[in-house]
Amino acid sequence: MKISDAVADRILSLCRERGLSVNKLCTLSGVTQSTVNDIVNRKSKNIGIVTIKMLCDGLDISITDFFDTQEFRNLEQELY
């Protein structure tokens, strides 16, 4: 699994857990709808840490909480 896929999965999972739509997350985080749509639809392959931090703020979690999952611990190195 690529990191961009893991990020997309994590965002969608957190939205489901909190009963949030992607649109509501955009409003809460200040990240544009098009940016979040590109992430969750896997069109964006290079997601910036600032964007992830803003999404975490909207979800009211830390970056550590965002990445503290088995999915991220099991990622293999990506070579480009």
Protein backbone atom coordinates (compact mmCIF):
# COMPACT_ATOMS: atom_id res chain seq x y z
CA MET A 1 0.00 0.00 0.00
CA LYS A 2 1.23 3.49 -0.83
CA ILE A 3 1.26 6.23 1.78
CA SER A 4 -1.23 8.31 -0.22
CA ASP A 5 -3.68 5.38 -0.07
CA ALA A 6 -3.11 4.99 3.67
CA VAL A 7 -3.76 8.72 4.20
CA ALA A 8 -6.96 8.57 2.15
CA ASP A 9 -8.16 5.50 4.07
CA ARG A 10 -7.35 7.14 7.40
CA ILE A 11 -9.23 10.34 6.55
CA LEU A 12 -12.31 8.41 5.44
CA SER A 13 -12.14 6.18 8.52
CA LEU A 14 -11.90 9.14 10.89
CA CYS A 15 -14.80 10.88 9.15
CA ARG A 16 -16.93 7.74 9.52
CA GLU A 17 -15.99 7.38 13.20
CA ARG A 18 -17.03 10.97 13.86
CA GLY A 19 -20.11 10.99 11.64
CA LEU A 20 -18.60 13.70 9.43
CA SER A 21 -18.96 14.14 5.72
CA VAL A 22 -15.88 15.07 3.74
CA ASN A 23 -17.54 18.41 3.07
CA LYS A 24 -17.94 19.06 6.82
CA LEU A 25 -14.30 18.12 7.40
CA CYS A 26 -13.32 20.70 4.78
CA THR A 27 -15.31 23.36 6.62
CA LEU A 28 -13.83 22.41 10.00
CA SER A 29 -10.25 22.22 8.74
CA GLY A 30 -10.11 25.07 6.24
CA VAL A 31 -8.86 22.74 3.50
CA THR A 32 -10.56 23.17 0.15
CA GLN A 33 -13.11 20.61 -0.99
CA SER A 34 -11.12 19.96 -4.16
CA THR A 35 -7.96 19.20 -2.20
CA VAL A 36 -9.68 16.73 0.12
CA ASN A 37 -11.57 15.16 -2.77
CA ASP A 38 -8.28 14.66 -4.63
CA ILE A 39 -6.81 12.98 -1.54
CA VAL A 40 -9.71 10.64 -0.79
CA ASN A 41 -10.25 9.84 -4.47
CA ARG A 42 -6.53 9.01 -4.72
CA LYS A 43 -5.77 11.62 -7.36
CA SER A 44 -3.23 13.35 -5.13
CA LYS A 45 -0.05 11.34 -4.63
CA ASN A 46 2.05 13.93 -2.79
CA ILE A 47 0.01 15.09 0.20
CA GLY A 48 1.69 17.85 2.18
CA ILE A 49 2.18 17.62 5.92
CA VAL A 50 0.63 21.08 6.34
CA THR A 51 -2.56 19.80 4.72
CA ILE A 52 -2.58 16.74 6.96
CA LYS A 53 -2.03 18.97 10.02
CA MET A 54 -4.97 21.16 9.01
CA LEU A 55 -7.16 18.08 8.58
CA CYS A 56 -6.04 16.82 11.99
CA ASP A 57 -7.00 20.16 13.51
CA GLY A 58 -10.43 19.86 11.91
CA LEU A 59 -10.75 16.34 13.32
CA ASP A 60 -9.48 17.54 16.71
CA ILE A 61 -6.63 15.03 16.79
CA SER A 62 -2.85 15.30 16.78
CA ILE A 63 -0.65 14.31 13.88
CA THR A 64 0.67 11.54 16.13
CA ASP A 65 -2.88 10.19 16.52
CA PHE A 66 -3.41 10.38 12.78
CA PHE A 67 -0.36 8.26 11.96
CA ASP A 68 -0.57 5.93 14.98
CA THR A 69 -2.18 2.99 13.20
CA GLN A 70 -1.02 -0.43 12.13
CA GLU A 71 -1.53 0.58 8.51
CA PHE A 72 1.15 3.28 8.76
CA ARG A 73 3.49 1.10 10.81
CA ASN A 74 3.40 -1.56 8.09
CA LEU A 75 4.11 0.73 5.13
CA GLU A 76 7.05 -0.27 3.02
CA GLN A 77 9.54 2.21 1.65
CA GLU A 78 8.38 3.84 -1.57
CA LEU A 79 10.97 4.45 -4.26
CA TYR A 80 10.33 6.90 -7.07
